[in-house]
């Protein structure tokens, strides 16, 4: 990081996104940057927004709700990126524009029930790409039927997939998981007969987002590289 200032950090992250895109012939505009604001004070979030951050991601419903009023009126899109319990779906919708972590039929059903009539709620389906017992997400084998179920719900707009792969201190070790996610979404697009549908692939965080971009990520979730260590 250049000076530790949020504006400088954000600029550096964008440079790294552009460089990663350049290495694989992609355009930086293809990648959405979500600033992960878990435990980040509102003042620092405002500073990031003033520097051009347009999307924030929160992991906890209670924290997201507490920040909602403080950031009211500011031009920001809110993604919910943490594990979401079905009984908190209503509260999550009150403070989120996107839900990235739809991982069960019960949650999808409740989000559909609670979403505004006539609206289409953007959602991503979370895949447990590493098969880890400690992480949420559906298994690869369940993905086609789960996608079909969610697409049958009239208030959900399934935009793509999301994953939190196993953690490695070397980005190259996580590359196979990112590559597998790309294969999964490409197969789903083909099977649906809609190559342009399922356009979003959310994967990659501060330690590995460049590798994720090289493997097809369209959304990266970056906290520490922007806001510093918590």
Protein backbone atom coordinates (compact mmCIF):
# COMPACT_ATOMS: atom_id res chain seq x y z
CA UNK A 1 0.00 0.00 0.00
CA UNK A 2 1.32 3.39 -0.88
CA UNK A 3 0.72 5.58 2.15
CA UNK A 4 -1.95 3.73 4.07
CA UNK A 5 -4.57 6.27 3.02
CA UNK A 6 -7.84 4.81 1.83
CA UNK A 7 -7.85 6.81 -1.42
CA UNK A 8 -4.34 5.60 -2.23
CA UNK A 9 -5.19 2.02 -1.31
CA UNK A 10 -8.29 2.10 -3.47
CA UNK A 11 -6.35 3.50 -6.41
CA UNK A 12 -3.75 0.76 -6.03
CA UNK A 13 -6.41 -1.96 -5.93
CA UNK A 14 -7.91 -0.58 -9.14
CA UNK A 15 -4.47 -0.58 -10.75
CA UNK A 16 -4.03 -4.21 -9.75
CA UNK A 17 -7.46 -5.08 -11.16
CA UNK A 18 -6.56 -3.40 -14.45
CA UNK A 19 -3.21 -5.21 -14.60
CA UNK A 20 -4.84 -8.59 -13.93
CA UNK A 21 -7.41 -7.91 -16.64
CA UNK A 22 -4.66 -6.91 -19.05
CA UNK A 23 -2.82 -10.19 -18.54
CA UNK A 24 -5.83 -12.18 -19.80
CA UNK A 25 -7.25 -9.78 -22.38
CA UNK A 26 -10.13 -8.49 -20.31
CA UNK A 27 -11.34 -4.93 -19.72
CA UNK A 28 -11.32 -3.52 -16.17
CA UNK A 29 -14.95 -2.43 -16.57
CA UNK A 30 -15.87 -6.13 -16.57
CA UNK A 31 -14.95 -6.39 -12.87
CA UNK A 32 -17.04 -4.94 -10.05
CA UNK A 33 -15.15 -4.01 -6.89
CA UNK A 34 -16.99 -4.64 -3.63
CA UNK A 35 -15.39 -2.93 -0.65
CA UNK A 36 -15.81 -5.27 2.32
CA UNK A 37 -16.82 -3.03 5.21
CA UNK A 38 -17.18 -5.55 8.03
CA UNK A 39 -16.16 -3.73 11.27
CA UNK A 40 -15.08 -0.66 9.26
CA UNK A 41 -16.27 2.62 10.85
CA UNK A 42 -18.74 4.70 8.86
CA UNK A 43 -16.23 7.56 8.57
CA UNK A 44 -13.79 5.33 6.70
CA UNK A 45 -16.54 4.00 4.47
CA UNK A 46 -17.46 7.57 3.57
CA UNK A 47 -13.82 8.27 2.78
CA UNK A 48 -13.72 5.30 0.41
CA UNK A 49 -16.94 6.41 -1.27
CA UNK A 50 -15.52 9.90 -1.74
CA UNK A 51 -12.55 8.23 -3.45
CA UNK A 52 -14.89 6.44 -5.84
CA UNK A 53 -15.98 3.20 -4.16
CA UNK A 54 -19.47 2.39 -5.45
CA UNK A 55 -20.29 -0.97 -3.85
CA UNK A 56 -19.93 -2.11 -0.25
CA UNK A 57 -20.35 -5.58 1.19
CA UNK A 58 -21.45 -6.45 4.71
CA UNK A 59 -21.25 -9.82 6.43
CA UNK A 60 -23.65 -9.34 9.32
CA UNK A 61 -27.25 -8.17 9.22
CA UNK A 62 -27.12 -6.25 12.50
CA UNK A 63 -24.02 -4.32 11.46
CA UNK A 64 -25.42 -3.62 8.00
CA UNK A 65 -28.62 -2.24 9.51
CA UNK A 66 -26.71 -0.02 11.94
CA UNK A 67 -24.81 1.57 9.06
CA UNK A 68 -27.86 2.00 6.84
CA UNK A 69 -29.06 5.24 8.37
CA UNK A 70 -25.55 6.66 8.70
CA UNK A 71 -25.01 6.20 4.96
CA UNK A 72 -28.53 7.15 3.91
CA UNK A 73 -28.71 9.22 0.77
CA UNK A 74 -25.23 8.31 -0.42
CA UNK A 75 -24.86 6.69 -3.85
CA UNK A 76 -23.80 3.21 -2.83
CA UNK A 77 -24.95 -0.28 -3.78
CA UNK A 78 -25.08 -2.71 -0.86
CA UNK A 79 -24.22 -6.38 -1.23
CA UNK A 80 -24.81 -8.87 1.57
CA UNK A 81 -21.84 -11.25 1.48
CA UNK A 82 -22.07 -13.22 4.73
CA UNK A 83 -23.92 -16.36 5.70
CA UNK A 84 -27.60 -15.50 5.91
CA UNK A 85 -30.02 -17.36 8.16
CA UNK A 86 -33.51 -17.78 6.79
CA UNK A 87 -35.08 -16.01 9.76
CA UNK A 88 -33.02 -12.90 9.01
CA UNK A 89 -34.00 -12.64 5.34
CA UNK A 90 -36.44 -9.79 5.93
CA UNK A 91 -33.88 -7.74 7.86
CA UNK A 92 -31.21 -8.40 5.23
CA UNK A 93 -33.47 -7.11 2.48
CA UNK A 94 -34.06 -3.88 4.39
CA UNK A 95 -30.36 -3.02 4.15
CA UNK A 96 -29.13 -4.81 1.02
CA UNK A 97 -29.56 -4.42 -2.73
CA UNK A 98 -27.95 -7.76 -3.61
CA UNK A 99 -27.75 -11.05 -1.74
CA UNK A 100 -24.60 -12.95 -2.74
CA UNK A 101 -24.98 -15.93 -0.45
CA UNK A 102 -28.13 -17.86 -1.36
CA UNK A 103 -27.32 -21.39 -0.28
CA UNK A 104 -30.58 -23.23 0.42
CA UNK A 105 -34.09 -23.62 -0.91
CA UNK A 106 -35.54 -22.36 2.35
CA UNK A 107 -33.52 -19.14 2.14
CA UNK A 108 -34.36 -18.64 -1.53
CA UNK A 109 -38.05 -19.17 -0.79
CA UNK A 110 -38.03 -16.71 2.10
CA UNK A 111 -36.16 -14.05 0.11
CA UNK A 112 -38.69 -14.46 -2.66
CA UNK A 113 -41.54 -14.09 -0.19
CA UNK A 114 -40.04 -11.00 1.42
CA UNK A 115 -38.85 -9.21 -1.73
CA UNK A 116 -40.87 -6.24 -2.92
CA UNK A 117 -43.81 -7.15 -5.20
CA UNK A 118 -42.99 -6.53 -8.83
CA UNK A 119 -39.27 -6.30 -8.08
CA UNK A 120 -36.45 -8.59 -9.09
CA UNK A 121 -33.90 -9.12 -6.34
CA UNK A 122 -30.37 -9.75 -7.68
CA UNK A 123 -28.93 -12.87 -6.05
CA UNK A 124 -25.94 -15.13 -6.44
CA UNK A 125 -25.90 -18.82 -5.57
CA UNK A 126 -23.12 -19.72 -3.16
CA UNK A 127 -21.14 -22.84 -4.00
CA UNK A 128 -19.04 -24.69 -1.42
CA UNK A 129 -16.29 -25.15 -3.97
CA UNK A 130 -13.83 -26.65 -1.50
CA UNK A 131 -16.31 -29.04 0.10
CA UNK A 132 -15.45 -27.60 3.52
CA UNK A 133 -17.72 -28.52 6.41
CA UNK A 134 -17.09 -25.16 8.08
CA UNK A 135 -18.32 -23.14 5.09
CA UNK A 136 -21.77 -22.53 3.69
CA UNK A 137 -22.78 -23.16 0.12
CA UNK A 138 -24.34 -25.85 -1.98
CA UNK A 139 -22.40 -28.76 -3.43
CA UNK A 140 -21.48 -28.87 -7.10
CA UNK A 141 -23.78 -31.83 -7.73
CA UNK A 142 -26.78 -29.88 -6.41
CA UNK A 143 -26.14 -26.79 -8.49
CA UNK A 144 -28.25 -27.51 -11.62
CA UNK A 145 -31.37 -28.43 -9.66
CA UNK A 146 -30.88 -25.55 -7.21
CA UNK A 147 -30.52 -23.09 -10.07
CA UNK A 148 -33.71 -24.41 -11.66
CA UNK A 149 -35.54 -24.05 -8.35
CA UNK A 150 -34.38 -20.46 -7.81
CA UNK A 151 -35.21 -19.49 -11.36
CA UNK A 152 -38.74 -20.64 -10.70
CA UNK A 153 -39.16 -17.99 -7.98
CA UNK A 154 -40.71 -14.90 -9.52
CA UNK A 155 -39.00 -12.22 -7.42
CA UNK A 156 -35.44 -13.52 -7.64
CA UNK A 157 -33.04 -12.57 -10.42
CA UNK A 158 -30.24 -15.14 -10.37
CA UNK A 159 -27.22 -13.27 -11.69
CA UNK A 160 -24.57 -15.96 -11.19
CA UNK A 161 -22.42 -17.77 -8.64
CA UNK A 162 -20.37 -16.89 -5.57
CA UNK A 163 -17.70 -18.84 -3.69
CA UNK A 164 -15.28 -18.57 -0.80
CA UNK A 165 -12.59 -21.14 -1.66
CA UNK A 166 -10.25 -22.66 0.92
CA UNK A 167 -7.69 -20.21 2.25
CA UNK A 168 -4.10 -20.48 1.05
CA UNK A 169 -1.28 -18.03 1.67
CA UNK A 170 -0.16 -18.56 -1.94
CA UNK A 171 -2.72 -17.37 -4.55
CA UNK A 172 -1.60 -19.98 -7.07
CA UNK A 173 -2.81 -22.73 -4.77
CA UNK A 174 -6.37 -21.42 -4.94
CA UNK A 175 -6.34 -21.03 -8.72
CA UNK A 176 -7.80 -24.52 -9.37
CA UNK A 177 -10.87 -23.61 -7.30
CA UNK A 178 -11.36 -20.36 -9.21
CA UNK A 179 -10.95 -22.24 -12.48
CA UNK A 180 -13.52 -24.81 -11.40
CA UNK A 181 -16.00 -22.06 -10.58
CA UNK A 182 -15.56 -20.66 -14.07
CA UNK A 183 -16.18 -24.11 -15.54
CA UNK A 184 -19.32 -24.51 -13.45
CA UNK A 185 -20.86 -21.24 -14.57
CA UNK A 186 -19.92 -21.83 -18.20
CA UNK A 187 -21.60 -25.24 -18.09
CA UNK A 188 -24.73 -23.77 -16.54
CA UNK A 189 -24.89 -21.12 -19.26
CA UNK A 190 -24.65 -23.77 -21.95
CA UNK A 191 -27.23 -26.03 -20.34
CA UNK A 192 -29.63 -23.10 -20.01
CA UNK A 193 -29.19 -22.25 -23.66
CA UNK A 194 -28.58 -18.64 -22.63
CA UNK A 195 -24.87 -17.86 -23.03
CA UNK A 196 -25.34 -14.30 -21.78
CA UNK A 197 -27.27 -15.23 -18.67
CA UNK A 198 -25.56 -15.90 -15.35
CA UNK A 199 -23.14 -13.08 -16.05
CA UNK A 200 -21.67 -12.69 -12.55
CA UNK A 201 -18.97 -14.72 -10.83
CA UNK A 202 -18.09 -13.42 -7.37
CA UNK A 203 -14.79 -14.76 -6.04
CA UNK A 204 -11.48 -13.44 -4.84
CA UNK A 205 -10.53 -11.34 -1.83
CA UNK A 206 -7.59 -9.15 -0.80
CA UNK A 207 -5.00 -11.93 -0.95
CA UNK A 208 -6.01 -13.53 -4.24
CA UNK A 209 -8.34 -11.27 -6.25
CA UNK A 210 -5.88 -10.91 -9.11
CA UNK A 211 -5.79 -14.67 -9.60
CA UNK A 212 -9.58 -14.76 -9.41
CA UNK A 213 -9.82 -12.11 -12.14
CA UNK A 214 -7.44 -14.08 -14.34
CA UNK A 215 -9.83 -17.03 -13.98
CA UNK A 216 -12.98 -15.09 -14.79
CA UNK A 217 -14.22 -13.26 -11.68
CA UNK A 218 -16.61 -10.40 -12.44
CA UNK A 219 -16.97 -9.40 -8.76
CA UNK A 220 -14.12 -9.26 -6.26
CA UNK A 221 -14.64 -8.64 -2.55
CA UNK A 222 -11.77 -6.62 -1.11
CA UNK A 223 -11.51 -5.35 2.45
CA UNK A 224 -8.01 -5.34 3.93
CA UNK A 225 -6.31 -4.03 0.79
CA UNK A 226 -8.58 -0.98 0.92
CA UNK A 227 -9.24 -0.36 4.60
CA UNK A 228 -6.21 -1.97 6.21
CA UNK A 229 -6.10 -4.75 8.78
CA UNK A 230 -8.99 -4.97 11.20
